Protein backbone atom coordinates (compact mmCIF):
# COMPACT_ATOMS: atom_id res chain seq x y z
CA UNK A 1 -28.54 50.87 -19.38
CA UNK A 2 -27.61 52.05 -15.94
CA UNK A 3 -27.62 48.43 -14.68
CA UNK A 4 -25.19 47.54 -17.35
CA UNK A 5 -22.99 50.45 -16.60
CA UNK A 6 -23.16 49.52 -12.85
CA UNK A 7 -22.24 45.86 -13.63
CA UNK A 8 -19.39 46.98 -15.95
CA UNK A 9 -17.94 49.29 -13.21
CA UNK A 10 -18.10 46.46 -10.54
CA UNK A 11 -16.48 44.02 -12.88
CA UNK A 12 -13.80 46.40 -13.98
CA UNK A 13 -12.97 47.27 -10.22
CA UNK A 14 -12.74 43.56 -9.31
CA UNK A 15 -10.48 42.85 -12.16
CA UNK A 16 -8.16 45.85 -11.55
CA UNK A 17 -7.98 45.26 -7.76
CA UNK A 18 -8.07 41.56 -7.04
CA UNK A 19 -5.78 41.74 -4.03
CA UNK A 20 -7.76 44.58 -2.33
CA UNK A 21 -10.86 42.61 -2.76
CA UNK A 22 -9.34 39.53 -1.09
CA UNK A 23 -7.97 41.59 1.82
CA UNK A 24 -11.31 43.43 2.41
CA UNK A 25 -13.82 40.63 1.80
CA UNK A 26 -12.41 37.65 3.59
CA UNK A 27 -14.92 36.85 6.21
CA UNK A 28 -18.55 35.68 5.47
CA UNK A 29 -19.92 38.78 7.17
CA UNK A 30 -17.96 40.93 4.78
CA UNK A 31 -18.98 38.94 1.72
CA UNK A 32 -22.63 38.99 2.68
CA UNK A 33 -22.38 42.70 3.45
CA UNK A 34 -20.83 43.33 -0.10
CA UNK A 35 -23.55 41.17 -1.73
CA UNK A 36 -26.41 43.11 0.13
CA UNK A 37 -24.71 46.36 -1.02
CA UNK A 38 -24.81 45.31 -4.62
CA UNK A 39 -28.34 44.26 -4.30
CA UNK A 40 -29.52 47.49 -2.72
CA UNK A 41 -27.76 49.50 -5.41
CA UNK A 42 -29.28 47.44 -8.11
CA UNK A 43 -32.78 47.54 -6.71
CA UNK A 44 -32.63 51.41 -6.29
CA UNK A 45 -31.35 51.88 -9.84
CA UNK A 46 -34.20 49.74 -11.13
CA UNK A 47 -36.84 51.89 -9.38
CA UNK A 48 -35.32 55.11 -10.50
CA UNK A 49 -33.26 56.23 -7.56
CA UNK A 50 -29.48 56.88 -7.03
CA UNK A 51 -27.95 55.36 -3.97
CA UNK A 52 -26.48 58.10 -1.63
CA UNK A 53 -23.54 56.24 0.09
CA UNK A 54 -23.31 58.66 3.03
CA UNK A 55 -27.01 58.62 3.72
CA UNK A 56 -27.11 54.86 3.50
CA UNK A 57 -24.23 54.42 5.86
CA UNK A 58 -25.95 56.79 8.23
CA UNK A 59 -29.04 54.66 8.27
CA UNK A 60 -27.07 51.54 8.97
CA UNK A 61 -25.15 53.23 11.83
CA UNK A 62 -28.50 54.48 13.36
CA UNK A 63 -30.13 51.08 13.45
CA UNK A 64 -30.10 50.80 17.16
CA UNK A 65 -29.79 54.43 18.12
CA UNK A 66 -31.41 57.72 17.71
CA UNK A 67 -32.59 58.28 14.15
CA UNK A 68 -32.32 61.36 11.98
CA UNK A 69 -35.67 61.04 10.54
CA UNK A 70 -38.97 60.76 12.36
CA UNK A 71 -41.44 58.10 11.52
CA UNK A 72 -43.81 60.50 9.81
CA UNK A 73 -41.02 61.60 7.47
CA UNK A 74 -40.05 58.01 6.79
CA UNK A 75 -43.63 57.20 5.98
CA UNK A 76 -44.04 60.29 3.72
CA UNK A 77 -40.71 59.40 1.87
CA UNK A 78 -41.70 55.73 1.39
CA UNK A 79 -45.03 56.96 0.02
CA UNK A 80 -43.35 59.31 -2.38
CA UNK A 81 -40.98 56.52 -3.53
CA UNK A 82 -43.95 54.20 -4.13
CA UNK A 83 -45.68 56.94 -6.23
CA UNK A 84 -42.44 57.41 -8.30
CA UNK A 85 -42.13 53.75 -8.76
CA UNK A 86 -45.68 53.37 -10.07
CA UNK A 87 -45.18 56.31 -12.26
CA UNK A 88 -42.13 54.73 -13.79
CA UNK A 89 -43.92 51.29 -14.15
CA UNK A 90 -46.93 53.06 -15.79
CA UNK A 91 -44.70 54.86 -18.24
CA UNK A 92 -42.99 51.50 -19.24
CA UNK A 93 -46.38 49.85 -19.74
CA UNK A 94 -47.52 52.66 -21.96
CA UNK A 95 -44.47 52.50 -24.04
CA UNK A 96 -44.74 48.71 -24.36
CA UNK A 97 -48.37 49.04 -25.23
CA UNK A 98 -47.53 51.58 -27.99
CA UNK A 99 -44.87 49.30 -29.42
CA UNK A 100 -47.25 46.18 -29.31
CA UNK A 101 -50.00 48.20 -31.02
CA UNK A 102 -47.84 49.10 -33.95
CA UNK A 103 -46.33 45.67 -34.21
CA UNK A 104 -49.85 44.14 -34.29
CA UNK A 105 -51.32 46.70 -36.65
CA UNK A 106 -48.46 46.21 -39.08
CA UNK A 107 -48.67 42.38 -38.84
CA UNK A 108 -52.41 42.23 -39.49
CA UNK A 109 -52.21 44.65 -42.40
CA UNK A 110 -49.60 42.37 -44.03
CA UNK A 111 -51.21 39.12 -43.06
CA UNK A 112 -54.59 39.99 -44.32
CA UNK A 113 -53.24 40.11 -47.87
CA UNK A 114 -52.13 36.53 -47.82
CA UNK A 115 -53.83 33.74 -49.75
CA UNK A 116 -56.54 32.07 -47.65
CA UNK A 117 -56.74 34.60 -44.85
CA UNK A 118 -60.22 36.03 -44.25
CA UNK A 119 -60.68 39.25 -42.34
CA UNK A 120 -64.19 39.56 -40.57
CA UNK A 121 -65.98 42.84 -39.77
CA UNK A 122 -64.72 42.75 -36.18
CA UNK A 123 -61.00 42.75 -37.49
CA UNK A 124 -60.53 39.01 -36.63
CA UNK A 125 -58.51 37.20 -39.22
CA UNK A 126 -58.56 33.44 -39.80
CA UNK A 127 -57.35 30.69 -42.20
CA UNK A 128 -58.63 27.27 -42.57
CA UNK A 129 -55.74 24.72 -42.69
CA UNK A 130 -57.72 21.53 -42.87
CA UNK A 131 -61.46 21.72 -43.39
CA UNK A 132 -63.56 19.53 -41.15
CA UNK A 133 -66.99 18.04 -41.99
CA UNK A 134 -68.90 18.37 -38.74
CA UNK A 135 -71.25 20.97 -37.33
CA UNK A 136 -70.42 24.43 -36.37
CA UNK A 137 -70.72 25.40 -32.69
CA UNK A 138 -72.76 28.13 -31.26
CA UNK A 139 -71.75 30.82 -28.65
CA UNK A 140 -73.71 28.80 -25.92
CA UNK A 141 -71.98 25.49 -26.73
CA UNK A 142 -69.04 23.92 -24.91
CA UNK A 143 -66.15 23.00 -27.11
CA UNK A 144 -63.10 20.81 -26.98
CA UNK A 145 -59.91 21.98 -28.76
CA UNK A 146 -56.26 21.59 -29.07
CA UNK A 147 -54.42 24.86 -29.52
CA UNK A 148 -51.01 26.56 -29.62
CA UNK A 149 -50.81 30.40 -28.89
CA UNK A 150 -47.95 32.51 -29.98
CA UNK A 151 -47.19 36.33 -30.27
CA UNK A 152 -46.45 37.83 -33.65
CA UNK A 153 -42.77 37.31 -33.02
CA UNK A 154 -43.16 33.62 -32.53
CA UNK A 155 -43.07 33.48 -28.85
CA UNK A 156 -45.21 30.67 -27.54
CA UNK A 157 -47.20 31.69 -24.48
CA UNK A 158 -49.55 28.70 -24.10
CA UNK A 159 -50.28 25.28 -25.64
CA UNK A 160 -52.84 22.53 -24.83
CA UNK A 161 -50.41 19.97 -26.22
CA UNK A 162 -48.07 20.69 -23.26
CA UNK A 163 -50.94 20.45 -20.73
CA UNK A 164 -51.47 16.75 -21.40
CA UNK A 165 -54.65 17.09 -23.36
CA UNK A 166 -57.30 19.24 -25.17
CA UNK A 167 -58.96 22.15 -23.45
CA UNK A 168 -62.73 22.12 -22.80
CA UNK A 169 -64.56 25.28 -22.11
CA UNK A 170 -67.92 27.18 -22.79
CA UNK A 171 -67.50 29.15 -25.97
CA UNK A 172 -68.98 32.39 -24.48
CA UNK A 173 -66.55 32.19 -21.56
CA UNK A 174 -63.34 33.00 -23.54
CA UNK A 175 -61.75 36.09 -25.38
CA UNK A 176 -64.04 37.40 -28.02
CA UNK A 177 -61.58 36.39 -30.78
CA UNK A 178 -62.00 32.68 -29.86
CA UNK A 179 -65.91 33.02 -29.40
CA UNK A 180 -66.24 34.41 -32.87
CA UNK A 181 -63.53 32.33 -34.65
CA UNK A 182 -64.64 28.96 -33.40
CA UNK A 183 -68.21 29.72 -34.61
CA UNK A 184 -66.79 30.10 -38.20
CA UNK A 185 -65.20 26.53 -38.46
CA UNK A 186 -66.51 23.11 -38.49
CA UNK A 187 -65.85 20.25 -36.12
CA UNK A 188 -62.66 18.59 -37.20
CA UNK A 189 -61.29 21.76 -38.70
CA UNK A 190 -57.77 22.90 -38.21
CA UNK A 191 -57.33 26.64 -38.50
CA UNK A 192 -55.28 29.72 -37.58
CA UNK A 193 -56.66 32.64 -35.81
CA UNK A 194 -55.05 35.98 -35.86
CA UNK A 195 -56.54 38.04 -33.08
CA UNK A 196 -56.17 41.76 -32.66
CA UNK A 197 -55.63 43.04 -29.16
CA UNK A 198 -59.19 44.43 -28.80
CA UNK A 199 -60.59 40.94 -29.36
CA UNK A 200 -58.00 39.41 -27.00
CA UNK A 201 -56.71 40.94 -23.70
CA UNK A 202 -56.71 44.68 -24.80
CA UNK A 203 -54.43 47.33 -23.13
CA UNK A 204 -54.13 45.13 -19.94
CA UNK A 205 -52.45 42.09 -21.32
CA UNK A 206 -52.27 38.83 -19.47
CA UNK A 207 -49.49 37.50 -17.26
CA UNK A 208 -45.79 38.04 -18.14
CA UNK A 209 -45.77 37.00 -21.79
CA UNK A 210 -48.97 38.69 -23.26
CA UNK A 211 -48.28 42.37 -23.00
CA UNK A 212 -50.66 45.34 -23.47
CA UNK A 213 -52.18 45.68 -26.92
CA UNK A 214 -50.68 42.26 -28.00
CA UNK A 215 -51.93 40.65 -31.17
CA UNK A 216 -52.17 36.95 -30.78
CA UNK A 217 -51.98 33.96 -33.17
CA UNK A 218 -53.59 30.62 -32.36
CA UNK A 219 -53.21 27.32 -34.20
CA UNK A 220 -56.65 25.66 -33.31
CA UNK A 221 -58.11 22.20 -33.90
CA UNK A 222 -61.95 21.93 -33.07
CA UNK A 223 -62.19 18.43 -31.73
CA UNK A 224 -65.80 18.21 -30.33
CA UNK A 225 -68.86 20.19 -29.58
CA UNK A 226 -70.61 19.68 -26.21
CA UNK A 227 -68.39 16.70 -25.41
CA UNK A 228 -69.77 14.15 -22.92
CA UNK A 229 -68.74 14.93 -19.36
């Protein structure tokens, strides 16, 4: 919210005083200095600090002279800033985890009532789209599959179709939802897996797209079991 207010204030100031801007920011040094100022203010706002212009200017002026803060004080302040930043990040993660948990719980509760959806004792849900006629893999087997993974809001986070070919992996080396789900379908089957977070990446998530406590949906086609290397 503060970032939007900051951006709005800057935009308003520029629109209201175009001539002043042109007079004050003519040289490249002035323009880069202005850009750096915006960058610093935005970064500080993002980590929960308010930029003190007087203190900031004092630091700039003391770059090559006697400094107002000792190295020990600077180090302690930076440590405190790092701790505040981590606390802020952790709070955001916990809030996101809470939202994802509710979103996933609500989705699975509704999805489990749909025709063709089976819910196992672990909480995994799956639906056979096209039944195959081959064997079923064991947990110790290696499988070859095509898949497409999305979040419950439809955001795609991975797809073997975009990697240029199917994925091959040992079945006991992936998330529990995959290990269990693929043992429930036959070779040649196309299915959908609805995997609760505790059978996926849990409260840690994975990468930028799969957040903490995220429920995952996979469209899966089991192509082969123990394929030739």
